[in-house]
């Protein structure tokens, strides 16, 4: 089972990026799918989650700016990030859990001021 995260990069404050997580080896359509991030010197934090019914959760720091979505046919989920701020700079990890915790390798997002 692998989660392949992509879409990170460097963007100016106010810009947008779209992260993708492509899963292989098993289906996660019946599981919650998440995005976490870890900034330098900080703990990993949950940014957004979408459950099997399509209900979403966002941390207060990204609510109104980020949107999580999924494509069950592609076994993938996404994080659309708008109005990016320098404090959004972090490594972003996709995650899902089905008995085990599955993590993507992370993709770096750098927001310059």
Protein backbone atom coordinates (compact mmCIF):
# COMPACT_ATOMS: atom_id res chain seq x y z
CA UNK A 1 0.00 0.00 0.00
CA UNK A 2 1.36 3.39 -0.98
CA UNK A 3 0.17 6.96 -0.72
CA UNK A 4 1.85 9.27 -3.20
CA UNK A 5 1.54 12.96 -2.36
CA UNK A 6 2.31 15.61 -4.96
CA UNK A 7 1.65 19.22 -5.85
CA UNK A 8 3.83 21.06 -3.38
CA UNK A 9 6.02 23.95 -4.39
CA UNK A 10 6.89 27.56 -3.72
CA UNK A 11 4.26 30.24 -4.05
CA UNK A 12 3.90 33.87 -3.02
CA UNK A 13 1.54 34.85 -0.24
CA UNK A 14 -1.99 35.03 -1.55
CA UNK A 15 -1.37 32.33 -4.13
CA UNK A 16 -2.84 28.88 -4.54
CA UNK A 17 -1.67 25.29 -4.75
CA UNK A 18 -3.47 21.98 -5.17
CA UNK A 19 -2.09 18.91 -3.45
CA UNK A 20 -2.94 15.42 -4.62
CA UNK A 21 -2.70 12.07 -2.88
CA UNK A 22 -2.88 8.97 -5.04
CA UNK A 23 -3.36 5.69 -3.19
CA UNK A 24 -2.44 2.27 -4.50
CA UNK A 25 -2.59 -1.23 -3.13
CA UNK A 26 -6.02 -0.90 -1.50
CA UNK A 27 -9.11 1.25 -1.64
CA UNK A 28 -9.72 3.96 0.94
CA UNK A 29 -13.23 4.88 -0.24
CA UNK A 30 -14.74 3.62 3.03
CA UNK A 31 -12.25 5.45 5.24
CA UNK A 32 -11.61 8.99 6.33
CA UNK A 33 -8.86 10.64 4.35
CA UNK A 34 -6.78 13.44 5.75
CA UNK A 35 -4.12 16.03 5.20
CA UNK A 36 -1.65 16.81 7.96
CA UNK A 37 1.21 19.28 7.97
CA UNK A 38 4.38 19.77 9.94
CA UNK A 39 6.16 23.09 10.05
CA UNK A 40 9.81 23.38 11.15
CA UNK A 41 10.10 22.99 14.89
CA UNK A 42 6.41 22.19 15.31
CA UNK A 43 4.36 19.06 15.81
CA UNK A 44 2.43 17.47 12.99
CA UNK A 45 -1.13 18.79 12.92
CA UNK A 46 -4.35 17.78 11.23
CA UNK A 47 -5.33 20.31 8.56
CA UNK A 48 -8.35 18.77 6.87
CA UNK A 49 -10.28 15.53 6.74
CA UNK A 50 -13.06 14.03 4.65
CA UNK A 51 -14.99 10.96 5.77
CA UNK A 52 -16.61 8.22 3.74
CA UNK A 53 -19.89 10.17 3.59
CA UNK A 54 -18.15 13.28 2.30
CA UNK A 55 -18.36 15.27 5.51
CA UNK A 56 -15.38 17.54 6.00
CA UNK A 57 -13.37 18.97 8.86
CA UNK A 58 -10.92 21.87 8.77
CA UNK A 59 -8.62 23.28 11.38
CA UNK A 60 -9.40 26.84 12.39
CA UNK A 61 -6.20 28.06 10.80
CA UNK A 62 -7.24 26.99 7.28
CA UNK A 63 -11.04 27.16 7.42
CA UNK A 64 -12.40 29.19 4.54
CA UNK A 65 -9.14 28.98 2.58
CA UNK A 66 -8.54 25.25 2.05
CA UNK A 67 -10.86 22.64 0.58
CA UNK A 68 -10.47 18.87 0.74
CA UNK A 69 -12.06 16.65 -1.88
CA UNK A 70 -11.84 13.06 -3.08
CA UNK A 71 -12.25 10.97 -6.18
CA UNK A 72 -13.14 7.42 -5.22
CA UNK A 73 -12.81 6.18 -8.79
CA UNK A 74 -9.19 7.34 -8.81
CA UNK A 75 -8.58 6.31 -5.18
CA UNK A 76 -7.29 9.83 -4.63
CA UNK A 77 -7.91 12.88 -2.50
CA UNK A 78 -6.92 16.50 -2.85
CA UNK A 79 -6.30 19.69 -0.93
CA UNK A 80 -7.02 22.96 -2.70
CA UNK A 81 -5.16 25.70 -0.86
CA UNK A 82 -6.09 29.31 -1.58
CA UNK A 83 -5.03 32.61 -0.05
CA UNK A 84 -1.84 31.00 1.17
CA UNK A 85 0.05 32.63 4.01
CA UNK A 86 3.71 32.31 5.05
CA UNK A 87 2.53 30.41 8.13
CA UNK A 88 1.17 27.69 5.84
CA UNK A 89 4.77 26.76 5.01
CA UNK A 90 5.21 23.11 5.99
CA UNK A 91 5.58 19.58 4.74
CA UNK A 92 2.11 18.29 3.93
CA UNK A 93 1.28 14.62 4.42
CA UNK A 94 -1.71 12.66 3.23
CA UNK A 95 -3.03 10.03 5.61
CA UNK A 96 -5.71 7.43 6.01
CA UNK A 97 -6.40 4.77 8.58
CA UNK A 98 -7.87 1.31 8.21
CA UNK A 99 -6.56 -0.67 11.10
CA UNK A 100 -3.14 0.64 10.20
CA UNK A 101 -2.04 4.23 9.74
CA UNK A 102 -1.03 4.92 6.17
CA UNK A 103 1.10 7.99 5.42
CA UNK A 104 2.30 9.56 2.22
CA UNK A 105 5.92 10.67 2.05
CA UNK A 106 5.08 14.38 2.28
CA UNK A 107 5.25 17.28 -0.12
CA UNK A 108 6.84 20.62 0.75
CA UNK A 109 4.84 23.81 0.52
CA UNK A 110 6.74 27.07 0.87
CA UNK A 111 4.87 30.37 0.96
CA UNK A 112 7.00 33.47 0.58
CA UNK A 113 5.96 36.86 1.88
